[in-house]
Amino acid sequence: MKRKYKILIVDDSKETVSGVKSFLDGKYQTVTALNGLDGLKAFENDKEGIDLIVTDLVMPEMSGVGLISAIKKKDPAKPVIAMTGWGLHPKALATEAKADLILDKPFELEDLDQEIARLITRR
């Protein structure tokens, strides 16, 4: 049996993490972290491999931009979706860090699901 794709969700808002996780659970395996540093540790320590990352951009410990840069350095083809409610400056940084997609908060969970499917099947 083929394993489900695994999605890493990183955001310092417990509500966002919980909402995205409960929406994606069942269709995907999900792993969560509440800051960029814990997200990077989860990515590096996952034995089966994370298939896609969904991360906020503005967080404590390590920003989403730092997380995206670290992940893309290790695996340039790994799809990353950045989420932000902070306007143009974080978007420019996420683009520079090579995020595959940037979503403005708030967004529809169905839109996130469609983008995840598109990015995963592109690999």
Foldseek 3Di string as FASTA:
>chain_A
DDAFAEEEEEALDPVVQVVLCVVCPPRHHYHYYNFLVVSLVCQVPDPVHHQEYEYEADHPPAGPLRSLLVVCVVPVLRAYEYEYQPPDPSVVSNVVSPHPYYHYPPDDSVVVVVVVVVSSVVD
